[in-house]
Amino acid sequence: MSNLQTFVNSTTLNGKLVGHDQTTNLILSHTIERVFAILGSEEATQQVEHGLYLIRGDNIAICGLVDEQLEAGIDWSAVKAEPLDGMKHV
Protein backbone atom coordinates (compact mmCIF):
# COMPACT_ATOMS: atom_id res chain seq x y z
CA MET A 1 0.00 0.00 0.00
CA SER A 2 1.35 3.45 -0.85
CA ASN A 3 1.91 6.18 1.73
CA LEU A 4 -0.63 8.33 -0.12
CA GLN A 5 -3.38 5.78 0.58
CA THR A 6 -2.71 6.02 4.33
CA PHE A 7 -2.80 9.83 4.21
CA VAL A 8 -6.04 10.01 2.26
CA ASN A 9 -7.84 7.57 4.56
CA SER A 10 -7.05 9.43 7.78
CA THR A 11 -8.18 12.89 6.68
CA THR A 12 -11.46 14.77 7.03
CA LEU A 13 -12.43 18.20 5.72
CA ASN A 14 -14.97 20.34 7.58
CA GLY A 15 -16.25 23.63 6.22
CA LYS A 16 -19.26 25.64 5.13
CA LEU A 17 -20.77 24.33 1.88
CA VAL A 18 -21.03 27.24 -0.56
CA GLY A 19 -21.52 25.36 -3.83
CA HIS A 20 -21.88 21.99 -5.56
CA ASP A 21 -22.69 20.51 -8.96
CA GLN A 22 -24.29 17.40 -10.46
CA THR A 23 -21.09 15.32 -10.08
CA THR A 24 -20.81 16.09 -6.33
CA ASN A 25 -17.88 18.48 -6.73
CA LEU A 26 -17.99 20.66 -3.60
CA ILE A 27 -16.86 24.20 -2.76
CA LEU A 28 -16.20 24.71 0.96
CA SER A 29 -15.31 27.92 2.78
CA HIS A 30 -13.71 28.19 6.24
CA THR A 31 -12.31 24.69 5.67
CA ILE A 32 -10.40 22.82 8.37
CA GLU A 33 -8.52 19.65 7.45
CA ARG A 34 -8.06 17.12 10.25
CA VAL A 35 -5.41 14.43 9.84
CA PHE A 36 -6.20 11.86 12.50
CA ALA A 37 -3.46 10.04 14.36
CA ILE A 38 -3.64 6.26 14.09
CA LEU A 39 -4.92 4.34 17.14
CA GLY A 40 -2.04 3.38 19.43
CA SER A 41 0.34 6.05 18.13
CA GLU A 42 1.89 8.79 20.24
CA GLU A 43 1.16 11.49 17.64
CA ALA A 44 -1.59 14.08 18.05
CA THR A 45 -4.29 14.72 15.47
CA GLN A 46 -3.31 17.68 13.29
CA GLN A 47 -5.58 20.53 12.17
CA VAL A 48 -4.79 22.70 9.15
CA GLU A 49 -6.91 25.73 8.18
CA HIS A 50 -7.37 26.07 4.41
CA GLY A 51 -10.12 28.65 3.93
CA LEU A 52 -11.68 28.15 0.46
CA TYR A 53 -11.35 24.54 -0.75
CA LEU A 54 -12.53 22.69 -3.86
CA ILE A 55 -13.12 18.92 -3.70
CA ARG A 56 -13.71 16.64 -6.69
CA GLY A 57 -16.80 14.47 -6.34
CA ASP A 58 -14.92 11.18 -6.80
CA ASN A 59 -12.87 11.94 -3.64
CA ILE A 60 -15.91 12.26 -1.36
CA ALA A 61 -16.94 9.39 0.93
CA ILE A 62 -19.65 11.21 2.94
CA CYS A 63 -21.12 14.69 3.23
CA GLY A 64 -23.40 15.79 6.07
CA LEU A 65 -24.38 18.36 8.66
CA VAL A 66 -22.27 19.07 11.75
CA ASP A 67 -23.48 20.30 15.15
CA GLU A 68 -21.13 23.27 15.60
CA GLN A 69 -21.60 23.48 19.39
CA LEU A 70 -20.85 19.78 19.86
CA GLU A 71 -17.82 19.98 17.55
CA ALA A 72 -16.42 23.01 19.42
CA GLY A 73 -16.41 21.01 22.68
CA ILE A 74 -14.20 18.20 21.34
CA ASP A 75 -10.44 18.14 22.01
CA TRP A 76 -9.45 17.09 18.47
CA SER A 77 -5.75 16.74 19.33
CA ALA A 78 -6.63 13.74 21.55
CA VAL A 79 -8.87 11.96 19.01
CA LYS A 80 -7.36 8.87 17.33
CA ALA A 81 -8.88 6.83 14.51
CA GLU A 82 -8.39 3.84 12.26
CA PRO A 83 -8.13 4.61 8.52
CA LEU A 84 -11.17 3.91 6.34
CA ASP A 85 -11.03 0.97 3.98
CA GLY A 86 -10.49 1.77 0.31
CA MET A 87 -13.45 3.03 -1.72
CA LYS A 88 -14.96 0.91 -4.47
CA HIS A 89 -16.37 2.73 -7.50
CA VAL A 90 -19.15 0.83 -9.26
PDB file of N, CA and C in Angstrom:
ATOM      1  N   MET A   1       0.849  -1.174   0.000  1.00  0.00           N
ATOM      2  CA  MET A   1       0.000   0.000   0.000  1.00  0.00           C
ATOM      3  C   MET A   1       0.897   1.241   0.000  1.00  0.00           C
ATOM      4  N   SER A   2       0.534   2.246  -0.780  1.00  0.00           N
ATOM      5  CA  SER A   2       1.349   3.454  -0.852  1.00  0.00           C
ATOM      6  C   SER A   2       1.124   4.336   0.372  1.00  0.00           C
ATOM      7  N   ASN A   3       2.066   5.224   0.635  1.00  0.00           N
ATOM      8  CA  ASN A   3       1.913   6.178   1.731  1.00  0.00           C
ATOM      9  C   ASN A   3       0.755   7.129   1.477  1.00  0.00           C
ATOM     10  N   LEU A   4       0.480   7.443   0.211  1.00  0.00           N
ATOM     11  CA  LEU A   4      -0.627   8.331  -0.120  1.00  0.00           C
ATOM     12  C   LEU A   4      -1.954   7.733   0.335  1.00  0.00           C
ATOM     13  N   GLN A   5      -2.140   6.431   0.171  1.00  0.00           N
ATOM     14  CA  GLN A   5      -3.385   5.776   0.577  1.00  0.00           C
ATOM     15  C   GLN A   5      -3.620   5.957   2.077  1.00  0.00           C
ATOM     16  N   THR A   6      -2.583   5.825   2.888  1.00  0.00           N
ATOM     17  CA  THR A   6      -2.712   6.015   4.330  1.00  0.00           C
ATOM     18  C   THR A   6      -3.105   7.445   4.644  1.00  0.00           C
ATOM     19  N   PHE A   7      -2.499   8.421   3.954  1.00  0.00           N
ATOM     20  CA  PHE A   7      -2.801   9.829   4.211  1.00  0.00           C
ATOM     21  C   PHE A   7      -4.253  10.143   3.869  1.00  0.00           C
ATOM     22  N   VAL A   8      -4.691   9.706   2.709  1.00  0.00           N
ATOM     23  CA  VAL A   8      -6.042  10.014   2.264  1.00  0.00           C
ATOM     24  C   VAL A   8      -7.079   9.428   3.207  1.00  0.00           C
ATOM     25  N   ASN A   9      -6.860   8.242   3.720  1.00  0.00           N
ATOM     26  CA  ASN A   9      -7.845   7.572   4.557  1.00  0.00           C
ATOM     27  C   ASN A   9      -7.875   8.044   5.998  1.00  0.00           C
ATOM     28  N   SER A  10      -7.013   8.948   6.405  1.00  0.00           N
ATOM     29  CA  SER A  10      -7.051   9.431   7.785  1.00  0.00           C
ATOM     30  C   SER A  10      -7.347  10.924   7.844  1.00  0.00           C
ATOM     31  N   THR A  11      -7.942  11.460   6.788  1.00  0.00           N
ATOM     32  CA  THR A  11      -8.178  12.893   6.681  1.00  0.00           C
ATOM     33  C   THR A  11      -9.662  13.199   6.541  1.00  0.00           C
ATOM     34  N   THR A  12     -10.116  14.253   7.239  1.00  0.00           N
ATOM     35  CA  THR A  12     -11.460  14.771   7.026  1.00  0.00           C
ATOM     36  C   THR A  12     -11.369  16.261   6.747  1.00  0.00           C
ATOM     37  N   LEU A  13     -12.329  16.773   6.013  1.00  0.00           N
ATOM     38  CA  LEU A  13     -12.430  18.201   5.725  1.00  0.00           C
ATOM     39  C   LEU A  13     -13.769  18.689   6.248  1.00  0.00           C
ATOM     40  N   ASN A  14     -13.749  19.738   7.063  1.00  0.00           N
ATOM     41  CA  ASN A  14     -14.972  20.340   7.580  1.00  0.00           C
ATOM     42  C   ASN A  14     -14.991  21.793   7.148  1.00  0.00           C
ATOM     43  N   GLY A  15     -16.121  22.242   6.643  1.00  0.00           N
ATOM     44  CA  GLY A  15     -16.252  23.631   6.219  1.00  0.00           C
ATOM     45  C   GLY A  15     -17.694  23.946   5.893  1.00  0.00           C
ATOM     46  N   LYS A  16     -17.920  25.195   5.510  1.00  0.00           N
ATOM     47  CA  LYS A  16     -19.258  25.641   5.126  1.00  0.00           C
ATOM     48  C   LYS A  16     -19.445  25.393   3.635  1.00  0.00           C
ATOM     49  N   LEU A  17     -20.488  24.641   3.282  1.00  0.00           N
ATOM     50  CA  LEU A  17     -20.771  24.330   1.884  1.00  0.00           C
ATOM     51  C   LEU A  17     -21.314  25.579   1.197  1.00  0.00           C
ATOM     52  N   VAL A  18     -20.592  26.058   0.172  1.00  0.00           N
ATOM     53  CA  VAL A  18     -21.034  27.245  -0.559  1.00  0.00           C
ATOM     54  C   VAL A  18     -21.419  26.929  -1.998  1.00  0.00           C
ATOM     55  N   GLY A  19     -21.131  25.713  -2.471  1.00  0.00           N
ATOM     56  CA  GLY A  19     -21.517  25.357  -3.826  1.00  0.00           C
ATOM     57  C   GLY A  19     -21.290  23.892  -4.122  1.00  0.00           C
ATOM     58  N   HIS A  20     -22.026  23.380  -5.118  1.00  0.00           N
ATOM     59  CA  HIS A  20     -21.876  21.990  -5.557  1.00  0.00           C
ATOM     60  C   HIS A  20     -22.401  21.881  -6.976  1.00  0.00           C
ATOM     61  N   ASP A  21     -22.151  20.756  -7.628  1.00  0.00           N
ATOM     62  CA  ASP A  21     -22.692  20.513  -8.964  1.00  0.00           C
ATOM     63  C   ASP A  21     -23.223  19.090  -9.064  1.00  0.00           C
ATOM     64  N   GLN A  22     -23.646  18.693 -10.270  1.00  0.00           N
ATOM     65  CA  GLN A  22     -24.293  17.397 -10.460  1.00  0.00           C
ATOM     66  C   GLN A  22     -23.357  16.208 -10.279  1.00  0.00           C
ATOM     67  N   THR A  23     -22.041  16.429 -10.283  1.00  0.00           N
ATOM     68  CA  THR A  23     -21.093  15.323 -10.077  1.00  0.00           C
ATOM     69  C   THR A  23     -20.514  15.325  -8.664  1.00  0.00           C
ATOM     70  N   THR A  24     -21.174  16.011  -7.745  1.00  0.00           N
ATOM     71  CA  THR A  24     -20.810  16.086  -6.334  1.00  0.00           C
ATOM     72  C   THR A  24     -19.482  16.791  -6.088  1.00  0.00           C
ATOM     73  N   ASN A  25     -19.004  17.606  -7.028  1.00  0.00           N
ATOM     74  CA  ASN A  25     -17.876  18.483  -6.730  1.00  0.00           C
ATOM     75  C   ASN A  25     -18.371  19.501  -5.711  1.00  0.00           C
ATOM     76  N   LEU A  26     -17.570  19.765  -4.674  1.00  0.00           N
ATOM     77  CA  LEU A  26     -17.988  20.663  -3.603  1.00  0.00           C
ATOM     78  C   LEU A  26     -17.064  21.863  -3.503  1.00  0.00           C
ATOM     79  N   ILE A  27     -17.637  23.004  -3.103  1.00  0.00           N
ATOM     80  CA  ILE A  27     -16.865  24.195  -2.758  1.00  0.00           C
ATOM     81  C   ILE A  27     -17.138  24.466  -1.286  1.00  0.00           C
ATOM     82  N   LEU A  28     -16.083  24.451  -0.475  1.00  0.00           N
ATOM     83  CA  LEU A  28     -16.197  24.707   0.960  1.00  0.00           C
ATOM     84  C   LEU A  28     -15.460  25.987   1.313  1.00  0.00           C
ATOM     85  N   SER A  29     -16.026  26.773   2.235  1.00  0.00           N
ATOM     86  CA  SER A  29     -15.311  27.923   2.785  1.00  0.00           C
ATOM     87  C   SER A  29     -15.026  27.637   4.255  1.00  0.00           C
ATOM     88  N   HIS A  30     -14.100  28.382   4.837  1.00  0.00           N
ATOM     89  CA  HIS A  30     -13.706  28.191   6.244  1.00  0.00           C
ATOM     90  C   HIS A  30     -13.361  26.725   6.510  1.00  0.00           C
ATOM     91  N   THR A  31     -12.602  26.126   5.618  1.00  0.00           N
ATOM     92  CA  THR A  31     -12.312  24.693   5.670  1.00  0.00           C
ATOM     93  C   THR A  31     -11.194  24.372   6.652  1.00  0.00           C
ATOM     94  N   ILE A  32     -11.416  23.350   7.457  1.00  0.00           N
ATOM     95  CA  ILE A  32     -10.399  22.820   8.368  1.00  0.00           C
ATOM     96  C   ILE A  32     -10.157  21.363   7.991  1.00  0.00           C
ATOM     97  N   GLU A  33      -8.907  21.024   7.740  1.00  0.00           N
ATOM     98  CA  GLU A  33      -8.519  19.646   7.450  1.00  0.00           C
ATOM     99  C   GLU A  33      -8.010  19.016   8.738  1.00  0.00           C
ATOM    100  N   ARG A  34      -8.542  17.855   9.074  1.00  0.00           N
ATOM    101  CA  ARG A  34      -8.061  17.120  10.246  1.00  0.00           C
ATOM    102  C   ARG A  34      -7.409  15.835   9.769  1.00  0.00           C
ATOM    103  N   VAL A  35      -6.144  15.657  10.152  1.00  0.00           N
ATOM    104  CA  VAL A  35      -5.407  14.432   9.840  1.00  0.00           C
ATOM    105  C   VAL A  35      -5.318  13.661  11.152  1.00  0.00           C
ATOM    106  N   PHE A  36      -6.101  12.597  11.247  1.00  0.00           N
ATOM    107  CA  PHE A  36      -6.203  11.859  12.501  1.00  0.00           C
ATOM    108  C   PHE A  36      -5.005  10.956  12.721  1.00  0.00           C
ATOM    109  N   ALA A  37      -4.530  10.953  13.967  1.00  0.00           N
ATOM    110  CA  ALA A  37      -3.463  10.040  14.364  1.00  0.00           C
ATOM    111  C   ALA A  37      -4.039   8.629  14.429  1.00  0.00           C
ATOM    112  N   ILE A  38      -3.217   7.660  14.084  1.00  0.00           N
ATOM    113  CA  ILE A  38      -3.638   6.261  14.093  1.00  0.00           C
ATOM    114  C   ILE A  38      -3.754   5.766  15.536  1.00  0.00           C
ATOM    115  N   LEU A  39      -4.746   4.921  15.802  1.00  0.00           N
ATOM    116  CA  LEU A  39      -4.916   4.340  17.138  1.00  0.00           C
ATOM    117  C   LEU A  39      -3.617   3.700  17.613  1.00  0.00           C
ATOM    118  N   GLY A  40      -3.247   3.964  18.858  1.00  0.00           N
ATOM    119  CA  GLY A  40      -2.043   3.378  19.430  1.00  0.00           C
ATOM    120  C   GLY A  40      -0.783   4.189  19.193  1.00  0.00           C
ATOM    121  N   SER A  41      -0.852   5.235  18.383  1.00  0.00           N
ATOM    122  CA  SER A  41       0.343   6.047  18.128  1.00  0.00           C
ATOM    123  C   SER A  41       0.459   7.151  19.178  1.00  0.00           C
ATOM    124  N   GLU A  42       1.640   7.711  19.292  1.00  0.00           N
ATOM    125  CA  GLU A  42       1.891   8.795  20.243  1.00  0.00           C
ATOM    126  C   GLU A  42       1.610  10.164  19.632  1.00  0.00           C
ATOM    127  N   GLU A  43       1.385  10.222  18.326  1.00  0.00           N
ATOM    128  CA  GLU A  43       1.162  11.493  17.640  1.00  0.00           C
ATOM    129  C   GLU A  43      -0.202  12.075  17.998  1.00  0.00           C
ATOM    130  N   ALA A  44      -0.318  13.399  17.848  1.00  0.00           N
ATOM    131  CA  ALA A  44      -1.592  14.077  18.046  1.00  0.00           C
ATOM    132  C   ALA A  44      -2.253  14.303  16.689  1.00  0.00           C
ATOM    133  N   THR A  45      -3.567  14.389  16.689  1.00  0.00           N
ATOM    134  CA  THR A  45      -4.292  14.722  15.468  1.00  0.00           C
ATOM    135  C   THR A  45      -3.948  16.145  15.073  1.00  0.00           C
ATOM    136  N   GLN A  46      -3.704  16.362  13.786  1.00  0.00           N
ATOM    137  CA  GLN A  46      -3.313  17.684  13.289  1.00  0.00           C
ATOM    138  C   GLN A  46      -4.504  18.378  12.660  1.00  0.00           C
ATOM    139  N   GLN A  47      -4.559  19.709  12.820  1.00  0.00           N
ATOM    140  CA  GLN A  47      -5.579  20.527  12.173  1.00  0.00           C
ATOM    141  C   GLN A  47      -4.889  21.575  11.317  1.00  0.00           C
ATOM    142  N   VAL A  48      -5.349  21.717  10.071  1.00  0.00           N
ATOM    143  CA  VAL A  48      -4.792  22.701   9.148  1.00  0.00           C
ATOM    144  C   VAL A  48      -5.950  23.526   8.601  1.00  0.00           C
ATOM    145  N   GLU A  49      -5.869  24.857   8.719  1.00  0.00           N
ATOM    146  CA  GLU A  49      -6.914  25.729   8.182  1.00  0.00           C
ATOM    147  C   GLU A  49      -6.591  26.062   6.735  1.00  0.00           C
ATOM    148  N   HIS A  50      -7.572  25.830   5.836  1.00  0.00           N
ATOM    149  CA  HIS A  50      -7.366  26.067   4.410  1.00  0.00           C
ATOM    150  C   HIS A  50      -8.179  27.230   3.871  1.00  0.00           C
ATOM    151  N   GLY A  51      -9.255  27.622   4.496  1.00  0.00           N
ATOM    152  CA  GLY A  51     -10.123  28.652   3.930  1.00  0.00           C
ATOM    153  C   GLY A  51     -10.978  28.066   2.824  1.00  0.00           C
ATOM    154  N   LEU A  52     -10.905  28.642   1.598  1.00  0.00           N
ATOM    155  CA  LEU A  52     -11.684  28.149   0.463  1.00  0.00           C
ATOM    156  C   LEU A  52     -11.052  26.879  -0.080  1.00  0.00           C
ATOM    157  N   TYR A  53     -11.875  25.845  -0.342  1.00  0.00           N
ATOM    158  CA  TYR A  53     -11.351  24.543  -0.748  1.00  0.00           C
ATOM    159  C   TYR A  53     -12.297  23.917  -1.761  1.00  0.00           C
ATOM    160  N   LEU A  54     -11.749  23.383  -2.832  1.00  0.00           N
ATOM    161  CA  LEU A  54     -12.526  22.687  -3.858  1.00  0.00           C
ATOM    162  C   LEU A  54     -12.237  21.197  -3.771  1.00  0.00           C
ATOM    163  N   ILE A  55     -13.284  20.367  -3.801  1.00  0.00           N
ATOM    164  CA  ILE A  55     -13.116  18.916  -3.698  1.00  0.00           C
ATOM    165  C   ILE A  55     -13.822  18.258  -4.878  1.00  0.00           C
ATOM    166  N   ARG A  56     -13.096  17.399  -5.594  1.00  0.00           N
ATOM    167  CA  ARG A  56     -13.708  16.640  -6.693  1.00  0.00           C
ATOM    168  C   ARG A  56     -14.664  15.593  -6.128  1.00  0.00           C
ATOM    169  N   GLY A  57     -15.762  15.386  -6.807  1.00  0.00           N
ATOM    170  CA  GLY A  57     -16.797  14.467  -6.341  1.00  0.00           C
ATOM    171  C   GLY A  57     -16.333  13.042  -6.141  1.00  0.00           C
ATOM    172  N   ASP A  58     -15.372  12.570  -6.949  1.00  0.00           N
ATOM    173  CA  ASP A  58     -14.923  11.181  -6.799  1.00  0.00           C
ATOM    174  C   ASP A  58     -14.016  10.981  -5.596  1.00  0.00           C
ATOM    175  N   ASN A  59     -13.688  12.046  -4.857  1.00  0.00           N
ATOM    176  CA  ASN A  59     -12.874  11.942  -3.642  1.00  0.00           C
ATOM    177  C   ASN A  59     -13.714  12.042  -2.370  1.00  0.00           C
ATOM    178  N   ILE A  60     -15.024  12.060  -2.503  1.00  0.00           N
ATOM    179  CA  ILE A  60     -15.911  12.257  -1.356  1.00  0.00           C
ATOM    180  C   ILE A  60     -16.505  10.922  -0.918  1.00  0.00           C
ATOM    181  N   ALA A  61     -16.354  10.612   0.375  1.00  0.00           N
ATOM    182  CA  ALA A  61     -16.941   9.390   0.928  1.00  0.00           C
ATOM    183  C   ALA A  61     -18.285   9.687   1.582  1.00  0.00           C
ATOM    184  N   ILE A  62     -18.403  10.849   2.256  1.00  0.00           N
ATOM    185  CA  ILE A  62     -19.646  11.210   2.936  1.00  0.00           C
ATOM    186  C   ILE A  62     -19.697  12.721   3.092  1.00  0.00           C
ATOM    187  N   CYS A  63     -20.901  13.258   3.054  1.00  0.00           N
ATOM    188  CA  CYS A  63     -21.119  14.692   3.233  1.00  0.00           C
ATOM    189  C   CYS A  63     -22.348  14.841   4.113  1.00  0.00           C
ATOM    190  N   GLY A  64     -22.258  15.658   5.168  1.00  0.00           N
ATOM    191  CA  GLY A  64     -23.397  15.788   6.067  1.00  0.00           C
ATOM    192  C   GLY A  64     -23.309  17.028   6.927  1.00  0.00           C
ATOM    193  N   LEU A  65     -24.318  17.220   7.762  1.00  0.00           N
ATOM    194  CA  LEU A  65     -24.381  18.358   8.662  1.00  0.00           C
ATOM    195  C   LEU A  65     -23.572  18.088   9.925  1.00  0.00           C
ATOM    196  N   VAL A  66     -23.055  19.168  10.521  1.00  0.00           N
ATOM    197  CA  VAL A  66     -22.267  19.070  11.748  1.00  0.00           C
ATOM    198  C   VAL A  66     -22.889  19.982  12.800  1.00  0.00           C
ATOM    199  N   ASP A  67     -23.036  19.482  14.020  1.00  0.00           N
ATOM    200  CA  ASP A  67     -23.484  20.297  15.146  1.00  0.00           C
ATOM    201  C   ASP A  67     -22.287  21.118  15.610  1.00  0.00           C
ATOM    202  N   GLU A  68     -22.287  22.420  15.324  1.00  0.00           N
ATOM    203  CA  GLU A  68     -21.125  23.267  15.603  1.00  0.00           C
ATOM    204  C   GLU A  68     -20.816  23.371  17.090  1.00  0.00           C
ATOM    205  N   GLN A  69     -21.837  23.400  17.949  1.00  0.00           N
ATOM    206  CA  GLN A  69     -21.598  23.479  19.390  1.00  0.00           C
ATOM    207  C   GLN A  69     -20.948  22.201  19.905  1.00  0.00           C
ATOM    208  N   LEU A  70     -21.430  21.063  19.450  1.00  0.00           N
ATOM    209  CA  LEU A  70     -20.853  19.784  19.858  1.00  0.00           C
ATOM    210  C   LEU A  70     -19.409  19.673  19.374  1.00  0.00           C
ATOM    211  N   GLU A  71     -19.164  20.058  18.120  1.00  0.00           N
ATOM    212  CA  GLU A  71     -17.821  19.977  17.552  1.00  0.00           C
ATOM    213  C   GLU A  71     -16.836  20.892  18.291  1.00  0.00           C
ATOM    214  N   ALA A  72     -17.287  22.063  18.720  1.00  0.00           N
ATOM    215  CA  ALA A  72     -16.416  23.007  19.422  1.00  0.00           C
ATOM    216  C   ALA A  72     -15.973  22.468  20.782  1.00  0.00           C
ATOM    217  N   GLY A  73     -16.744  21.565  21.381  1.00  0.00           N
ATOM    218  CA  GLY A  73     -16.409  21.011  22.683  1.00  0.00           C
ATOM    219  C   GLY A  73     -15.482  19.808  22.651  1.00  0.00           C
ATOM    220  N   ILE A  74     -15.053  19.385  21.470  1.00  0.00           N
ATOM    221  CA  ILE A  74     -14.196  18.201  21.340  1.00  0.00           C
ATOM    222  C   ILE A  74     -12.733  18.609  21.299  1.00  0.00           C
ATOM    223  N   ASP A  75     -11.890  17.925  22.066  1.00  0.00           N
ATOM    224  CA  ASP A  75     -10.439  18.135  22.009  1.00  0.00           C
ATOM    225  C   ASP A  75      -9.898  17.282  20.869  1.00  0.00           C
ATOM    226  N   TRP A  76      -9.825  17.852  19.660  1.00  0.00           N
ATOM    227  CA  TRP A  76      -9.454  17.092  18.468  1.00  0.00           C
ATOM    228  C   TRP A  76      -8.031  16.568  18.513  1.00  0.00           C
ATOM    229  N   SER A  77      -7.141  17.211  19.269  1.00  0.00           N
ATOM    230  CA  SER A  77      -5.753  16.736  19.326  1.00  0.00           C
ATOM    231  C   SER A  77      -5.652  15.375  20.011  1.00  0.00           C
ATOM    232  N   ALA A  78      -6.649  15.018  20.824  1.00  0.00           N
ATOM    233  CA  ALA A  78      -6.627  13.744  21.547  1.00  0.00           C
ATOM    234  C   ALA A  78      -7.385  12.630  20.821  1.00  0.00           C
ATOM    235  N   VAL A  79      -8.077  12.951  19.739  1.00  0.00           N
ATOM    236  CA  VAL A  79      -8.874  11.956  19.014  1.00  0.00           C
ATOM    237  C   VAL A  79      -7.971  11.118  18.120  1.00  0.00           C
ATOM    238  N   LYS A  80      -8.115   9.808  18.181  1.00  0.00           N
ATOM    239  CA  LYS A  80      -7.365   8.871  17.329  1.00  0.00           C
ATOM    240  C   LYS A  80      -8.372   8.063  16.518  1.00  0.00           C
ATOM    241  N   ALA A  81      -7.949   7.558  15.367  1.00  0.00           N
ATOM    242  CA  ALA A  81      -8.884   6.829  14.508  1.00  0.00           C
ATOM    243  C   ALA A  81      -8.160   5.803  13.662  1.00  0.00           C
ATOM    244  N   GLU A  82      -8.909   4.802  13.222  1.00  0.00           N
ATOM    245  CA  GLU A  82      -8.391   3.840  12.257  1.00  0.00           C
ATOM    246  C   GLU A  82      -8.722   4.359  10.865  1.00  0.00           C
ATOM    247  N   PRO A  83      -7.838   4.159   9.885  1.00  0.00           N
ATOM    248  CA  PRO A  83      -8.131   4.606   8.519  1.00  0.00           C
ATOM    249  C   PRO A  83      -9.343   3.872   7.949  1.00  0.00           C
ATOM    250  N   LEU A  84     -10.064   4.553   7.052  1.00  0.00           N
ATOM    251  CA  LEU A  84     -11.168   3.914   6.341  1.00  0.00           C
ATOM    252  C   LEU A  84     -10.619   2.902   5.351  1.00  0.00           C
ATOM    253  N   ASP A  85     -11.406   1.886   5.047  1.00  0.00           N
ATOM    254  CA  ASP A  85     -11.027   0.966   3.976  1.00  0.00           C
ATOM    255  C   ASP A  85     -11.098   1.704   2.645  1.00  0.00           C
ATOM    256  N   GLY A  86     -10.472   1.161   1.635  1.00  0.00           N
ATOM    257  CA  GLY A  86     -10.493   1.767   0.314  1.00  0.00           C
ATOM    258  C   GLY A  86     -11.906   1.868  -0.235  1.00  0.00           C
ATOM    259  N   MET A  87     -12.133   2.845  -1.109  1.00  0.00           N
ATOM    260  CA  MET A  87     -13.446   3.031  -1.723  1.00  0.00           C
ATOM    261  C   MET A  87     -13.546   2.202  -2.997  1.00  0.00           C
ATOM    262  N   LYS A  88     -14.728   1.695  -3.260  1.00  0.00           N
ATOM    263  CA  LYS A  88     -14.957   0.912  -4.472  1.00  0.00           C
ATOM    264  C   LYS A  88     -15.937   1.675  -5.354  1.00  0.00           C
ATOM    265  N   HIS A  89     -15.503   2.034  -6.557  1.00  0.00           N
ATOM    266  CA  HIS A  89     -16.369   2.735  -7.502  1.00  0.00           C
ATOM    267  C   HIS A  89     -17.063   1.710  -8.382  1.00  0.00           C
ATOM    268  N   VAL A  90     -18.388   1.769  -8.424  1.00  0.00           N
ATOM    269  CA  VAL A  90     -19.149   0.832  -9.261  1.00  0.00           C
ATOM    270  C   VAL A  90     -19.944   1.574 -10.313  1.00  0.00           C
TER     271      VAL A  90
END
